[in-house]
Amino acid sequence: GYYQGRYCPCLEQAIAAAAIRSMNR
């Protein structure tokens, strides 16, 4: 989840996916 001391793009995508699932609940 971390790349070069920052959030990895894959983690940011996972956060967005979690937010989308929450919105569609």
PDBML (XML) file of the C-alpha atoms, coordinates in Angstrom:
<?xml version="1.0" encoding="UTF-8" ?>
<PDBx:datablock datablockName="MODEL"
   xmlns:PDBx="http://pdbml.pdb.org/schema/pdbx-v50.xsd"
   xmlns:xsi="http://www.w3.org/2001/XMLSchema-instance"
   xsi:schemaLocation="http://pdbml.pdb.org/schema/pdbx-v50.xsd pdbx-v50.xsd">
   <PDBx:atom_siteCategory>
      <PDBx:atom_site id="1">
         <PDBx:B_iso_or_equiv>0.00</PDBx:B_iso_or_equiv>
         <PDBx:Cartn_x>0.000</PDBx:Cartn_x>
         <PDBx:Cartn_y>0.000</PDBx:Cartn_y>
         <PDBx:Cartn_z>0.000</PDBx:Cartn_z>
         <PDBx:auth_asym_id>A</PDBx:auth_asym_id>
         <PDBx:auth_atom_id>CA</PDBx:auth_atom_id>
         <PDBx:auth_comp_id>GLY</PDBx:auth_comp_id>
         <PDBx:auth_seq_id>1</PDBx:auth_seq_id>
         <PDBx:group_PDB>ATOM</PDBx:group_PDB>
         <PDBx:label_alt_id xsi:nil="true" />
         <PDBx:label_asym_id>A</PDBx:label_asym_id>
         <PDBx:label_atom_id>CA</PDBx:label_atom_id>
         <PDBx:label_comp_id>GLY</PDBx:label_comp_id>
         <PDBx:label_entity_id>1</PDBx:label_entity_id>
         <PDBx:label_seq_id>1</PDBx:label_seq_id>
         <PDBx:occupancy>1.00</PDBx:occupancy>
         <PDBx:pdbx_PDB_model_num>1</PDBx:pdbx_PDB_model_num>
         <PDBx:type_symbol>C</PDBx:type_symbol>
      </PDBx:atom_site>
      <PDBx:atom_site id="2">
         <PDBx:B_iso_or_equiv>0.00</PDBx:B_iso_or_equiv>
         <PDBx:Cartn_x>3.018</PDBx:Cartn_x>
         <PDBx:Cartn_y>2.306</PDBx:Cartn_y>
         <PDBx:Cartn_z>0.209</PDBx:Cartn_z>
         <PDBx:auth_asym_id>A</PDBx:auth_asym_id>
         <PDBx:auth_atom_id>CA</PDBx:auth_atom_id>
         <PDBx:auth_comp_id>TYR</PDBx:auth_comp_id>
         <PDBx:auth_seq_id>2</PDBx:auth_seq_id>
         <PDBx:group_PDB>ATOM</PDBx:group_PDB>
         <PDBx:label_alt_id xsi:nil="true" />
         <PDBx:label_asym_id>A</PDBx:label_asym_id>
         <PDBx:label_atom_id>CA</PDBx:label_atom_id>
         <PDBx:label_comp_id>TYR</PDBx:label_comp_id>
         <PDBx:label_entity_id>1</PDBx:label_entity_id>
         <PDBx:label_seq_id>2</PDBx:label_seq_id>
         <PDBx:occupancy>1.00</PDBx:occupancy>
         <PDBx:pdbx_PDB_model_num>1</PDBx:pdbx_PDB_model_num>
         <PDBx:type_symbol>C</PDBx:type_symbol>
      </PDBx:atom_site>
      <PDBx:atom_site id="3">
         <PDBx:B_iso_or_equiv>0.00</PDBx:B_iso_or_equiv>
         <PDBx:Cartn_x>5.502</PDBx:Cartn_x>
         <PDBx:Cartn_y>3.322</PDBx:Cartn_y>
         <PDBx:Cartn_z>-2.493</PDBx:Cartn_z>
         <PDBx:auth_asym_id>A</PDBx:auth_asym_id>
         <PDBx:auth_atom_id>CA</PDBx:auth_atom_id>
         <PDBx:auth_comp_id>TYR</PDBx:auth_comp_id>
         <PDBx:auth_seq_id>3</PDBx:auth_seq_id>
         <PDBx:group_PDB>ATOM</PDBx:group_PDB>
         <PDBx:label_alt_id xsi:nil="true" />
         <PDBx:label_asym_id>A</PDBx:label_asym_id>
         <PDBx:label_atom_id>CA</PDBx:label_atom_id>
         <PDBx:label_comp_id>TYR</PDBx:label_comp_id>
         <PDBx:label_entity_id>1</PDBx:label_entity_id>
         <PDBx:label_seq_id>3</PDBx:label_seq_id>
         <PDBx:occupancy>1.00</PDBx:occupancy>
         <PDBx:pdbx_PDB_model_num>1</PDBx:pdbx_PDB_model_num>
         <PDBx:type_symbol>C</PDBx:type_symbol>
      </PDBx:atom_site>
      <PDBx:atom_site id="4">
         <PDBx:B_iso_or_equiv>0.00</PDBx:B_iso_or_equiv>
         <PDBx:Cartn_x>8.458</PDBx:Cartn_x>
         <PDBx:Cartn_y>5.675</PDBx:Cartn_y>
         <PDBx:Cartn_z>-2.022</PDBx:Cartn_z>
         <PDBx:auth_asym_id>A</PDBx:auth_asym_id>
         <PDBx:auth_atom_id>CA</PDBx:auth_atom_id>
         <PDBx:auth_comp_id>GLN</PDBx:auth_comp_id>
         <PDBx:auth_seq_id>4</PDBx:auth_seq_id>
         <PDBx:group_PDB>ATOM</PDBx:group_PDB>
         <PDBx:label_alt_id xsi:nil="true" />
         <PDBx:label_asym_id>A</PDBx:label_asym_id>
         <PDBx:label_atom_id>CA</PDBx:label_atom_id>
         <PDBx:label_comp_id>GLN</PDBx:label_comp_id>
         <PDBx:label_entity_id>1</PDBx:label_entity_id>
         <PDBx:label_seq_id>4</PDBx:label_seq_id>
         <PDBx:occupancy>1.00</PDBx:occupancy>
         <PDBx:pdbx_PDB_model_num>1</PDBx:pdbx_PDB_model_num>
         <PDBx:type_symbol>C</PDBx:type_symbol>
      </PDBx:atom_site>
      <PDBx:atom_site id="5">
         <PDBx:B_iso_or_equiv>0.00</PDBx:B_iso_or_equiv>
         <PDBx:Cartn_x>7.093</PDBx:Cartn_x>
         <PDBx:Cartn_y>6.891</PDBx:Cartn_y>
         <PDBx:Cartn_z>1.290</PDBx:Cartn_z>
         <PDBx:auth_asym_id>A</PDBx:auth_asym_id>
         <PDBx:auth_atom_id>CA</PDBx:auth_atom_id>
         <PDBx:auth_comp_id>GLY</PDBx:auth_comp_id>
         <PDBx:auth_seq_id>5</PDBx:auth_seq_id>
         <PDBx:group_PDB>ATOM</PDBx:group_PDB>
         <PDBx:label_alt_id xsi:nil="true" />
         <PDBx:label_asym_id>A</PDBx:label_asym_id>
         <PDBx:label_atom_id>CA</PDBx:label_atom_id>
         <PDBx:label_comp_id>GLY</PDBx:label_comp_id>
         <PDBx:label_entity_id>1</PDBx:label_entity_id>
         <PDBx:label_seq_id>5</PDBx:label_seq_id>
         <PDBx:occupancy>1.00</PDBx:occupancy>
         <PDBx:pdbx_PDB_model_num>1</PDBx:pdbx_PDB_model_num>
         <PDBx:type_symbol>C</PDBx:type_symbol>
      </PDBx:atom_site>
      <PDBx:atom_site id="6">
         <PDBx:B_iso_or_equiv>0.00</PDBx:B_iso_or_equiv>
         <PDBx:Cartn_x>3.633</PDBx:Cartn_x>
         <PDBx:Cartn_y>7.731</PDBx:Cartn_y>
         <PDBx:Cartn_z>-0.070</PDBx:Cartn_z>
         <PDBx:auth_asym_id>A</PDBx:auth_asym_id>
         <PDBx:auth_atom_id>CA</PDBx:auth_atom_id>
         <PDBx:auth_comp_id>ARG</PDBx:auth_comp_id>
         <PDBx:auth_seq_id>6</PDBx:auth_seq_id>
         <PDBx:group_PDB>ATOM</PDBx:group_PDB>
         <PDBx:label_alt_id xsi:nil="true" />
         <PDBx:label_asym_id>A</PDBx:label_asym_id>
         <PDBx:label_atom_id>CA</PDBx:label_atom_id>
         <PDBx:label_comp_id>ARG</PDBx:label_comp_id>
         <PDBx:label_entity_id>1</PDBx:label_entity_id>
         <PDBx:label_seq_id>6</PDBx:label_seq_id>
         <PDBx:occupancy>1.00</PDBx:occupancy>
         <PDBx:pdbx_PDB_model_num>1</PDBx:pdbx_PDB_model_num>
         <PDBx:type_symbol>C</PDBx:type_symbol>
      </PDBx:atom_site>
      <PDBx:atom_site id="7">
         <PDBx:B_iso_or_equiv>0.00</PDBx:B_iso_or_equiv>
         <PDBx:Cartn_x>0.336</PDBx:Cartn_x>
         <PDBx:Cartn_y>5.991</PDBx:Cartn_y>
         <PDBx:Cartn_z>-0.713</PDBx:Cartn_z>
         <PDBx:auth_asym_id>A</PDBx:auth_asym_id>
         <PDBx:auth_atom_id>CA</PDBx:auth_atom_id>
         <PDBx:auth_comp_id>TYR</PDBx:auth_comp_id>
         <PDBx:auth_seq_id>7</PDBx:auth_seq_id>
         <PDBx:group_PDB>ATOM</PDBx:group_PDB>
         <PDBx:label_alt_id xsi:nil="true" />
         <PDBx:label_asym_id>A</PDBx:label_asym_id>
         <PDBx:label_atom_id>CA</PDBx:label_atom_id>
         <PDBx:label_comp_id>TYR</PDBx:label_comp_id>
         <PDBx:label_entity_id>1</PDBx:label_entity_id>
         <PDBx:label_seq_id>7</PDBx:label_seq_id>
         <PDBx:occupancy>1.00</PDBx:occupancy>
         <PDBx:pdbx_PDB_model_num>1</PDBx:pdbx_PDB_model_num>
         <PDBx:type_symbol>C</PDBx:type_symbol>
      </PDBx:atom_site>
      <PDBx:atom_site id="8">
         <PDBx:B_iso_or_equiv>0.00</PDBx:B_iso_or_equiv>
         <PDBx:Cartn_x>0.722</PDBx:Cartn_x>
         <PDBx:Cartn_y>3.669</PDBx:Cartn_y>
         <PDBx:Cartn_z>-3.678</PDBx:Cartn_z>
         <PDBx:auth_asym_id>A</PDBx:auth_asym_id>
         <PDBx:auth_atom_id>CA</PDBx:auth_atom_id>
         <PDBx:auth_comp_id>CYS</PDBx:auth_comp_id>
         <PDBx:auth_seq_id>8</PDBx:auth_seq_id>
         <PDBx:group_PDB>ATOM</PDBx:group_PDB>
         <PDBx:label_alt_id xsi:nil="true" />
         <PDBx:label_asym_id>A</PDBx:label_asym_id>
         <PDBx:label_atom_id>CA</PDBx:label_atom_id>
         <PDBx:label_comp_id>CYS</PDBx:label_comp_id>
         <PDBx:label_entity_id>1</PDBx:label_entity_id>
         <PDBx:label_seq_id>8</PDBx:label_seq_id>
         <PDBx:occupancy>1.00</PDBx:occupancy>
         <PDBx:pdbx_PDB_model_num>1</PDBx:pdbx_PDB_model_num>
         <PDBx:type_symbol>C</PDBx:type_symbol>
      </PDBx:atom_site>
      <PDBx:atom_site id="9">
         <PDBx:B_iso_or_equiv>0.00</PDBx:B_iso_or_equiv>
         <PDBx:Cartn_x>-1.669</PDBx:Cartn_x>
         <PDBx:Cartn_y>4.289</PDBx:Cartn_y>
         <PDBx:Cartn_z>-6.602</PDBx:Cartn_z>
         <PDBx:auth_asym_id>A</PDBx:auth_asym_id>
         <PDBx:auth_atom_id>CA</PDBx:auth_atom_id>
         <PDBx:auth_comp_id>PRO</PDBx:auth_comp_id>
         <PDBx:auth_seq_id>9</PDBx:auth_seq_id>
         <PDBx:group_PDB>ATOM</PDBx:group_PDB>
         <PDBx:label_alt_id xsi:nil="true" />
         <PDBx:label_asym_id>A</PDBx:label_asym_id>
         <PDBx:label_atom_id>CA</PDBx:label_atom_id>
         <PDBx:label_comp_id>PRO</PDBx:label_comp_id>
         <PDBx:label_entity_id>1</PDBx:label_entity_id>
         <PDBx:label_seq_id>9</PDBx:label_seq_id>
         <PDBx:occupancy>1.00</PDBx:occupancy>
         <PDBx:pdbx_PDB_model_num>1</PDBx:pdbx_PDB_model_num>
         <PDBx:type_symbol>C</PDBx:type_symbol>
      </PDBx:atom_site>
      <PDBx:atom_site id="10">
         <PDBx:B_iso_or_equiv>0.00</PDBx:B_iso_or_equiv>
         <PDBx:Cartn_x>-3.088</PDBx:Cartn_x>
         <PDBx:Cartn_y>0.800</PDBx:Cartn_y>
         <PDBx:Cartn_z>-6.008</PDBx:Cartn_z>
         <PDBx:auth_asym_id>A</PDBx:auth_asym_id>
         <PDBx:auth_atom_id>CA</PDBx:auth_atom_id>
         <PDBx:auth_comp_id>CYS</PDBx:auth_comp_id>
         <PDBx:auth_seq_id>10</PDBx:auth_seq_id>
         <PDBx:group_PDB>ATOM</PDBx:group_PDB>
         <PDBx:label_alt_id xsi:nil="true" />
         <PDBx:label_asym_id>A</PDBx:label_asym_id>
         <PDBx:label_atom_id>CA</PDBx:label_atom_id>
         <PDBx:label_comp_id>CYS</PDBx:label_comp_id>
         <PDBx:label_entity_id>1</PDBx:label_entity_id>
         <PDBx:label_seq_id>10</PDBx:label_seq_id>
         <PDBx:occupancy>1.00</PDBx:occupancy>
         <PDBx:pdbx_PDB_model_num>1</PDBx:pdbx_PDB_model_num>
         <PDBx:type_symbol>C</PDBx:type_symbol>
      </PDBx:atom_site>
      <PDBx:atom_site id="11">
         <PDBx:B_iso_or_equiv>0.00</PDBx:B_iso_or_equiv>
         <PDBx:Cartn_x>-4.080</PDBx:Cartn_x>
         <PDBx:Cartn_y>1.814</PDBx:Cartn_y>
         <PDBx:Cartn_z>-2.459</PDBx:Cartn_z>
         <PDBx:auth_asym_id>A</PDBx:auth_asym_id>
         <PDBx:auth_atom_id>CA</PDBx:auth_atom_id>
         <PDBx:auth_comp_id>LEU</PDBx:auth_comp_id>
         <PDBx:auth_seq_id>11</PDBx:auth_seq_id>
         <PDBx:group_PDB>ATOM</PDBx:group_PDB>
         <PDBx:label_alt_id xsi:nil="true" />
         <PDBx:label_asym_id>A</PDBx:label_asym_id>
         <PDBx:label_atom_id>CA</PDBx:label_atom_id>
         <PDBx:label_comp_id>LEU</PDBx:label_comp_id>
         <PDBx:label_entity_id>1</PDBx:label_entity_id>
         <PDBx:label_seq_id>11</PDBx:label_seq_id>
         <PDBx:occupancy>1.00</PDBx:occupancy>
         <PDBx:pdbx_PDB_model_num>1</PDBx:pdbx_PDB_model_num>
         <PDBx:type_symbol>C</PDBx:type_symbol>
      </PDBx:atom_site>
      <PDBx:atom_site id="12">
         <PDBx:B_iso_or_equiv>0.00</PDBx:B_iso_or_equiv>
         <PDBx:Cartn_x>-5.665</PDBx:Cartn_x>
         <PDBx:Cartn_y>5.027</PDBx:Cartn_y>
         <PDBx:Cartn_z>-3.747</PDBx:Cartn_z>
         <PDBx:auth_asym_id>A</PDBx:auth_asym_id>
         <PDBx:auth_atom_id>CA</PDBx:auth_atom_id>
         <PDBx:auth_comp_id>GLU</PDBx:auth_comp_id>
         <PDBx:auth_seq_id>12</PDBx:auth_seq_id>
         <PDBx:group_PDB>ATOM</PDBx:group_PDB>
         <PDBx:label_alt_id xsi:nil="true" />
         <PDBx:label_asym_id>A</PDBx:label_asym_id>
         <PDBx:label_atom_id>CA</PDBx:label_atom_id>
         <PDBx:label_comp_id>GLU</PDBx:label_comp_id>
         <PDBx:label_entity_id>1</PDBx:label_entity_id>
         <PDBx:label_seq_id>12</PDBx:label_seq_id>
         <PDBx:occupancy>1.00</PDBx:occupancy>
         <PDBx:pdbx_PDB_model_num>1</PDBx:pdbx_PDB_model_num>
         <PDBx:type_symbol>C</PDBx:type_symbol>
      </PDBx:atom_site>
      <PDBx:atom_site id="13">
         <PDBx:B_iso_or_equiv>0.00</PDBx:B_iso_or_equiv>
         <PDBx:Cartn_x>-7.656</PDBx:Cartn_x>
         <PDBx:Cartn_y>2.939</PDBx:Cartn_y>
         <PDBx:Cartn_z>-6.242</PDBx:Cartn_z>
         <PDBx:auth_asym_id>A</PDBx:auth_asym_id>
         <PDBx:auth_atom_id>CA</PDBx:auth_atom_id>
         <PDBx:auth_comp_id>GLN</PDBx:auth_comp_id>
         <PDBx:auth_seq_id>13</PDBx:auth_seq_id>
         <PDBx:group_PDB>ATOM</PDBx:group_PDB>
         <PDBx:label_alt_id xsi:nil="true" />
         <PDBx:label_asym_id>A</PDBx:label_asym_id>
         <PDBx:label_atom_id>CA</PDBx:label_atom_id>
         <PDBx:label_comp_id>GLN</PDBx:label_comp_id>
         <PDBx:label_entity_id>1</PDBx:label_entity_id>
         <PDBx:label_seq_id>13</PDBx:label_seq_id>
         <PDBx:occupancy>1.00</PDBx:occupancy>
         <PDBx:pdbx_PDB_model_num>1</PDBx:pdbx_PDB_model_num>
         <PDBx:type_symbol>C</PDBx:type_symbol>
      </PDBx:atom_site>
      <PDBx:atom_site id="14">
         <PDBx:B_iso_or_equiv>0.00</PDBx:B_iso_or_equiv>
         <PDBx:Cartn_x>-8.746</PDBx:Cartn_x>
         <PDBx:Cartn_y>0.601</PDBx:Cartn_y>
         <PDBx:Cartn_z>-3.443</PDBx:Cartn_z>
         <PDBx:auth_asym_id>A</PDBx:auth_asym_id>
         <PDBx:auth_atom_id>CA</PDBx:auth_atom_id>
         <PDBx:auth_comp_id>ALA</PDBx:auth_comp_id>
         <PDBx:auth_seq_id>14</PDBx:auth_seq_id>
         <PDBx:group_PDB>ATOM</PDBx:group_PDB>
         <PDBx:label_alt_id xsi:nil="true" />
         <PDBx:label_asym_id>A</PDBx:label_asym_id>
         <PDBx:label_atom_id>CA</PDBx:label_atom_id>
         <PDBx:label_comp_id>ALA</PDBx:label_comp_id>
         <PDBx:label_entity_id>1</PDBx:label_entity_id>
         <PDBx:label_seq_id>14</PDBx:label_seq_id>
         <PDBx:occupancy>1.00</PDBx:occupancy>
         <PDBx:pdbx_PDB_model_num>1</PDBx:pdbx_PDB_model_num>
         <PDBx:type_symbol>C</PDBx:type_symbol>
      </PDBx:atom_site>
      <PDBx:atom_site id="15">
         <PDBx:B_iso_or_equiv>0.00</PDBx:B_iso_or_equiv>
         <PDBx:Cartn_x>-9.866</PDBx:Cartn_x>
         <PDBx:Cartn_y>3.600</PDBx:Cartn_y>
         <PDBx:Cartn_z>-1.344</PDBx:Cartn_z>
         <PDBx:auth_asym_id>A</PDBx:auth_asym_id>
         <PDBx:auth_atom_id>CA</PDBx:auth_atom_id>
         <PDBx:auth_comp_id>ILE</PDBx:auth_comp_id>
         <PDBx:auth_seq_id>15</PDBx:auth_seq_id>
         <PDBx:group_PDB>ATOM</PDBx:group_PDB>
         <PDBx:label_alt_id xsi:nil="true" />
         <PDBx:label_asym_id>A</PDBx:label_asym_id>
         <PDBx:label_atom_id>CA</PDBx:label_atom_id>
         <PDBx:label_comp_id>ILE</PDBx:label_comp_id>
         <PDBx:label_entity_id>1</PDBx:label_entity_id>
         <PDBx:label_seq_id>15</PDBx:label_seq_id>
         <PDBx:occupancy>1.00</PDBx:occupancy>
         <PDBx:pdbx_PDB_model_num>1</PDBx:pdbx_PDB_model_num>
         <PDBx:type_symbol>C</PDBx:type_symbol>
      </PDBx:atom_site>
      <PDBx:atom_site id="16">
         <PDBx:B_iso_or_equiv>0.00</PDBx:B_iso_or_equiv>
         <PDBx:Cartn_x>-11.905</PDBx:Cartn_x>
         <PDBx:Cartn_y>4.923</PDBx:Cartn_y>
         <PDBx:Cartn_z>-4.291</PDBx:Cartn_z>
         <PDBx:auth_asym_id>A</PDBx:auth_asym_id>
         <PDBx:auth_atom_id>CA</PDBx:auth_atom_id>
         <PDBx:auth_comp_id>ALA</PDBx:auth_comp_id>
         <PDBx:auth_seq_id>16</PDBx:auth_seq_id>
         <PDBx:group_PDB>ATOM</PDBx:group_PDB>
         <PDBx:label_alt_id xsi:nil="true" />
         <PDBx:label_asym_id>A</PDBx:label_asym_id>
         <PDBx:label_atom_id>CA</PDBx:label_atom_id>
         <PDBx:label_comp_id>ALA</PDBx:label_comp_id>
         <PDBx:label_entity_id>1</PDBx:label_entity_id>
         <PDBx:label_seq_id>16</PDBx:label_seq_id>
         <PDBx:occupancy>1.00</PDBx:occupancy>
         <PDBx:pdbx_PDB_model_num>1</PDBx:pdbx_PDB_model_num>
         <PDBx:type_symbol>C</PDBx:type_symbol>
      </PDBx:atom_site>
      <PDBx:atom_site id="17">
         <PDBx:B_iso_or_equiv>0.00</PDBx:B_iso_or_equiv>
         <PDBx:Cartn_x>-13.455</PDBx:Cartn_x>
         <PDBx:Cartn_y>1.474</PDBx:Cartn_y>
         <PDBx:Cartn_z>-4.828</PDBx:Cartn_z>
         <PDBx:auth_asym_id>A</PDBx:auth_asym_id>
         <PDBx:auth_atom_id>CA</PDBx:auth_atom_id>
         <PDBx:auth_comp_id>ALA</PDBx:auth_comp_id>
         <PDBx:auth_seq_id>17</PDBx:auth_seq_id>
         <PDBx:group_PDB>ATOM</PDBx:group_PDB>
         <PDBx:label_alt_id xsi:nil="true" />
         <PDBx:label_asym_id>A</PDBx:label_asym_id>
         <PDBx:label_atom_id>CA</PDBx:label_atom_id>
         <PDBx:label_comp_id>ALA</PDBx:label_comp_id>
         <PDBx:label_entity_id>1</PDBx:label_entity_id>
         <PDBx:label_seq_id>17</PDBx:label_seq_id>
         <PDBx:occupancy>1.00</PDBx:occupancy>
         <PDBx:pdbx_PDB_model_num>1</PDBx:pdbx_PDB_model_num>
         <PDBx:type_symbol>C</PDBx:type_symbol>
      </PDBx:atom_site>
      <PDBx:atom_site id="18">
         <PDBx:B_iso_or_equiv>0.00</PDBx:B_iso_or_equiv>
         <PDBx:Cartn_x>-14.420</PDBx:Cartn_x>
         <PDBx:Cartn_y>1.295</PDBx:Cartn_y>
         <PDBx:Cartn_z>-1.132</PDBx:Cartn_z>
         <PDBx:auth_asym_id>A</PDBx:auth_asym_id>
         <PDBx:auth_atom_id>CA</PDBx:auth_atom_id>
         <PDBx:auth_comp_id>ALA</PDBx:auth_comp_id>
         <PDBx:auth_seq_id>18</PDBx:auth_seq_id>
         <PDBx:group_PDB>ATOM</PDBx:group_PDB>
         <PDBx:label_alt_id xsi:nil="true" />
         <PDBx:label_asym_id>A</PDBx:label_asym_id>
         <PDBx:label_atom_id>CA</PDBx:label_atom_id>
         <PDBx:label_comp_id>ALA</PDBx:label_comp_id>
         <PDBx:label_entity_id>1</PDBx:label_entity_id>
         <PDBx:label_seq_id>18</PDBx:label_seq_id>
         <PDBx:occupancy>1.00</PDBx:occupancy>
         <PDBx:pdbx_PDB_model_num>1</PDBx:pdbx_PDB_model_num>
         <PDBx:type_symbol>C</PDBx:type_symbol>
      </PDBx:atom_site>
      <PDBx:atom_site id="19">
         <PDBx:B_iso_or_equiv>0.00</PDBx:B_iso_or_equiv>
         <PDBx:Cartn_x>-15.979</PDBx:Cartn_x>
         <PDBx:Cartn_y>4.752</PDBx:Cartn_y>
         <PDBx:Cartn_z>-1.356</PDBx:Cartn_z>
         <PDBx:auth_asym_id>A</PDBx:auth_asym_id>
         <PDBx:auth_atom_id>CA</PDBx:auth_atom_id>
         <PDBx:auth_comp_id>ALA</PDBx:auth_comp_id>
         <PDBx:auth_seq_id>19</PDBx:auth_seq_id>
         <PDBx:group_PDB>ATOM</PDBx:group_PDB>
         <PDBx:label_alt_id xsi:nil="true" />
         <PDBx:label_asym_id>A</PDBx:label_asym_id>
         <PDBx:label_atom_id>CA</PDBx:label_atom_id>
         <PDBx:label_comp_id>ALA</PDBx:label_comp_id>
         <PDBx:label_entity_id>1</PDBx:label_entity_id>
         <PDBx:label_seq_id>19</PDBx:label_seq_id>
         <PDBx:occupancy>1.00</PDBx:occupancy>
         <PDBx:pdbx_PDB_model_num>1</PDBx:pdbx_PDB_model_num>
         <PDBx:type_symbol>C</PDBx:type_symbol>
      </PDBx:atom_site>
      <PDBx:atom_site id="20">
         <PDBx:B_iso_or_equiv>0.00</PDBx:B_iso_or_equiv>
         <PDBx:Cartn_x>-17.932</PDBx:Cartn_x>
         <PDBx:Cartn_y>3.734</PDBx:Cartn_y>
         <PDBx:Cartn_z>-4.458</PDBx:Cartn_z>
         <PDBx:auth_asym_id>A</PDBx:auth_asym_id>
         <PDBx:auth_atom_id>CA</PDBx:auth_atom_id>
         <PDBx:auth_comp_id>ILE</PDBx:auth_comp_id>
         <PDBx:auth_seq_id>20</PDBx:auth_seq_id>
         <PDBx:group_PDB>ATOM</PDBx:group_PDB>
         <PDBx:label_alt_id xsi:nil="true" />
         <PDBx:label_asym_id>A</PDBx:label_asym_id>
         <PDBx:label_atom_id>CA</PDBx:label_atom_id>
         <PDBx:label_comp_id>ILE</PDBx:label_comp_id>
         <PDBx:label_entity_id>1</PDBx:label_entity_id>
         <PDBx:label_seq_id>20</PDBx:label_seq_id>
         <PDBx:occupancy>1.00</PDBx:occupancy>
         <PDBx:pdbx_PDB_model_num>1</PDBx:pdbx_PDB_model_num>
         <PDBx:type_symbol>C</PDBx:type_symbol>
      </PDBx:atom_site>
      <PDBx:atom_site id="21">
         <PDBx:B_iso_or_equiv>0.00</PDBx:B_iso_or_equiv>
         <PDBx:Cartn_x>-19.232</PDBx:Cartn_x>
         <PDBx:Cartn_y>0.586</PDBx:Cartn_y>
         <PDBx:Cartn_z>-2.748</PDBx:Cartn_z>
         <PDBx:auth_asym_id>A</PDBx:auth_asym_id>
         <PDBx:auth_atom_id>CA</PDBx:auth_atom_id>
         <PDBx:auth_comp_id>ARG</PDBx:auth_comp_id>
         <PDBx:auth_seq_id>21</PDBx:auth_seq_id>
         <PDBx:group_PDB>ATOM</PDBx:group_PDB>
         <PDBx:label_alt_id xsi:nil="true" />
         <PDBx:label_asym_id>A</PDBx:label_asym_id>
         <PDBx:label_atom_id>CA</PDBx:label_atom_id>
         <PDBx:label_comp_id>ARG</PDBx:label_comp_id>
         <PDBx:label_entity_id>1</PDBx:label_entity_id>
         <PDBx:label_seq_id>21</PDBx:label_seq_id>
         <PDBx:occupancy>1.00</PDBx:occupancy>
         <PDBx:pdbx_PDB_model_num>1</PDBx:pdbx_PDB_model_num>
         <PDBx:type_symbol>C</PDBx:type_symbol>
      </PDBx:atom_site>
      <PDBx:atom_site id="22">
         <PDBx:B_iso_or_equiv>0.00</PDBx:B_iso_or_equiv>
         <PDBx:Cartn_x>-20.348</PDBx:Cartn_x>
         <PDBx:Cartn_y>2.740</PDBx:Cartn_y>
         <PDBx:Cartn_z>0.177</PDBx:Cartn_z>
         <PDBx:auth_asym_id>A</PDBx:auth_asym_id>
         <PDBx:auth_atom_id>CA</PDBx:auth_atom_id>
         <PDBx:auth_comp_id>SER</PDBx:auth_comp_id>
         <PDBx:auth_seq_id>22</PDBx:auth_seq_id>
         <PDBx:group_PDB>ATOM</PDBx:group_PDB>
         <PDBx:label_alt_id xsi:nil="true" />
         <PDBx:label_asym_id>A</PDBx:label_asym_id>
         <PDBx:label_atom_id>CA</PDBx:label_atom_id>
         <PDBx:label_comp_id>SER</PDBx:label_comp_id>
         <PDBx:label_entity_id>1</PDBx:label_entity_id>
         <PDBx:label_seq_id>22</PDBx:label_seq_id>
         <PDBx:occupancy>1.00</PDBx:occupancy>
         <PDBx:pdbx_PDB_model_num>1</PDBx:pdbx_PDB_model_num>
         <PDBx:type_symbol>C</PDBx:type_symbol>
      </PDBx:atom_site>
      <PDBx:atom_site id="23">
         <PDBx:B_iso_or_equiv>0.00</PDBx:B_iso_or_equiv>
         <PDBx:Cartn_x>-22.141</PDBx:Cartn_x>
         <PDBx:Cartn_y>5.187</PDBx:Cartn_y>
         <PDBx:Cartn_z>-2.132</PDBx:Cartn_z>
         <PDBx:auth_asym_id>A</PDBx:auth_asym_id>
         <PDBx:auth_atom_id>CA</PDBx:auth_atom_id>
         <PDBx:auth_comp_id>MET</PDBx:auth_comp_id>
         <PDBx:auth_seq_id>23</PDBx:auth_seq_id>
         <PDBx:group_PDB>ATOM</PDBx:group_PDB>
         <PDBx:label_alt_id xsi:nil="true" />
         <PDBx:label_asym_id>A</PDBx:label_asym_id>
         <PDBx:label_atom_id>CA</PDBx:label_atom_id>
         <PDBx:label_comp_id>MET</PDBx:label_comp_id>
         <PDBx:label_entity_id>1</PDBx:label_entity_id>
         <PDBx:label_seq_id>23</PDBx:label_seq_id>
         <PDBx:occupancy>1.00</PDBx:occupancy>
         <PDBx:pdbx_PDB_model_num>1</PDBx:pdbx_PDB_model_num>
         <PDBx:type_symbol>C</PDBx:type_symbol>
      </PDBx:atom_site>
      <PDBx:atom_site id="24">
         <PDBx:B_iso_or_equiv>0.00</PDBx:B_iso_or_equiv>
         <PDBx:Cartn_x>-23.936</PDBx:Cartn_x>
         <PDBx:Cartn_y>2.368</PDBx:Cartn_y>
         <PDBx:Cartn_z>-3.965</PDBx:Cartn_z>
         <PDBx:auth_asym_id>A</PDBx:auth_asym_id>
         <PDBx:auth_atom_id>CA</PDBx:auth_atom_id>
         <PDBx:auth_comp_id>ASN</PDBx:auth_comp_id>
         <PDBx:auth_seq_id>24</PDBx:auth_seq_id>
         <PDBx:group_PDB>ATOM</PDBx:group_PDB>
         <PDBx:label_alt_id xsi:nil="true" />
         <PDBx:label_asym_id>A</PDBx:label_asym_id>
         <PDBx:label_atom_id>CA</PDBx:label_atom_id>
         <PDBx:label_comp_id>ASN</PDBx:label_comp_id>
         <PDBx:label_entity_id>1</PDBx:label_entity_id>
         <PDBx:label_seq_id>24</PDBx:label_seq_id>
         <PDBx:occupancy>1.00</PDBx:occupancy>
         <PDBx:pdbx_PDB_model_num>1</PDBx:pdbx_PDB_model_num>
         <PDBx:type_symbol>C</PDBx:type_symbol>
      </PDBx:atom_site>
      <PDBx:atom_site id="25">
         <PDBx:B_iso_or_equiv>0.00</PDBx:B_iso_or_equiv>
         <PDBx:Cartn_x>-25.039</PDBx:Cartn_x>
         <PDBx:Cartn_y>0.582</PDBx:Cartn_y>
         <PDBx:Cartn_z>-0.799</PDBx:Cartn_z>
         <PDBx:auth_asym_id>A</PDBx:auth_asym_id>
         <PDBx:auth_atom_id>CA</PDBx:auth_atom_id>
         <PDBx:auth_comp_id>ARG</PDBx:auth_comp_id>
         <PDBx:auth_seq_id>25</PDBx:auth_seq_id>
         <PDBx:group_PDB>ATOM</PDBx:group_PDB>
         <PDBx:label_alt_id xsi:nil="true" />
         <PDBx:label_asym_id>A</PDBx:label_asym_id>
         <PDBx:label_atom_id>CA</PDBx:label_atom_id>
         <PDBx:label_comp_id>ARG</PDBx:label_comp_id>
         <PDBx:label_entity_id>1</PDBx:label_entity_id>
         <PDBx:label_seq_id>25</PDBx:label_seq_id>
         <PDBx:occupancy>1.00</PDBx:occupancy>
         <PDBx:pdbx_PDB_model_num>1</PDBx:pdbx_PDB_model_num>
         <PDBx:type_symbol>C</PDBx:type_symbol>
      </PDBx:atom_site>
   </PDBx:atom_siteCategory>
</PDBx:datablock>
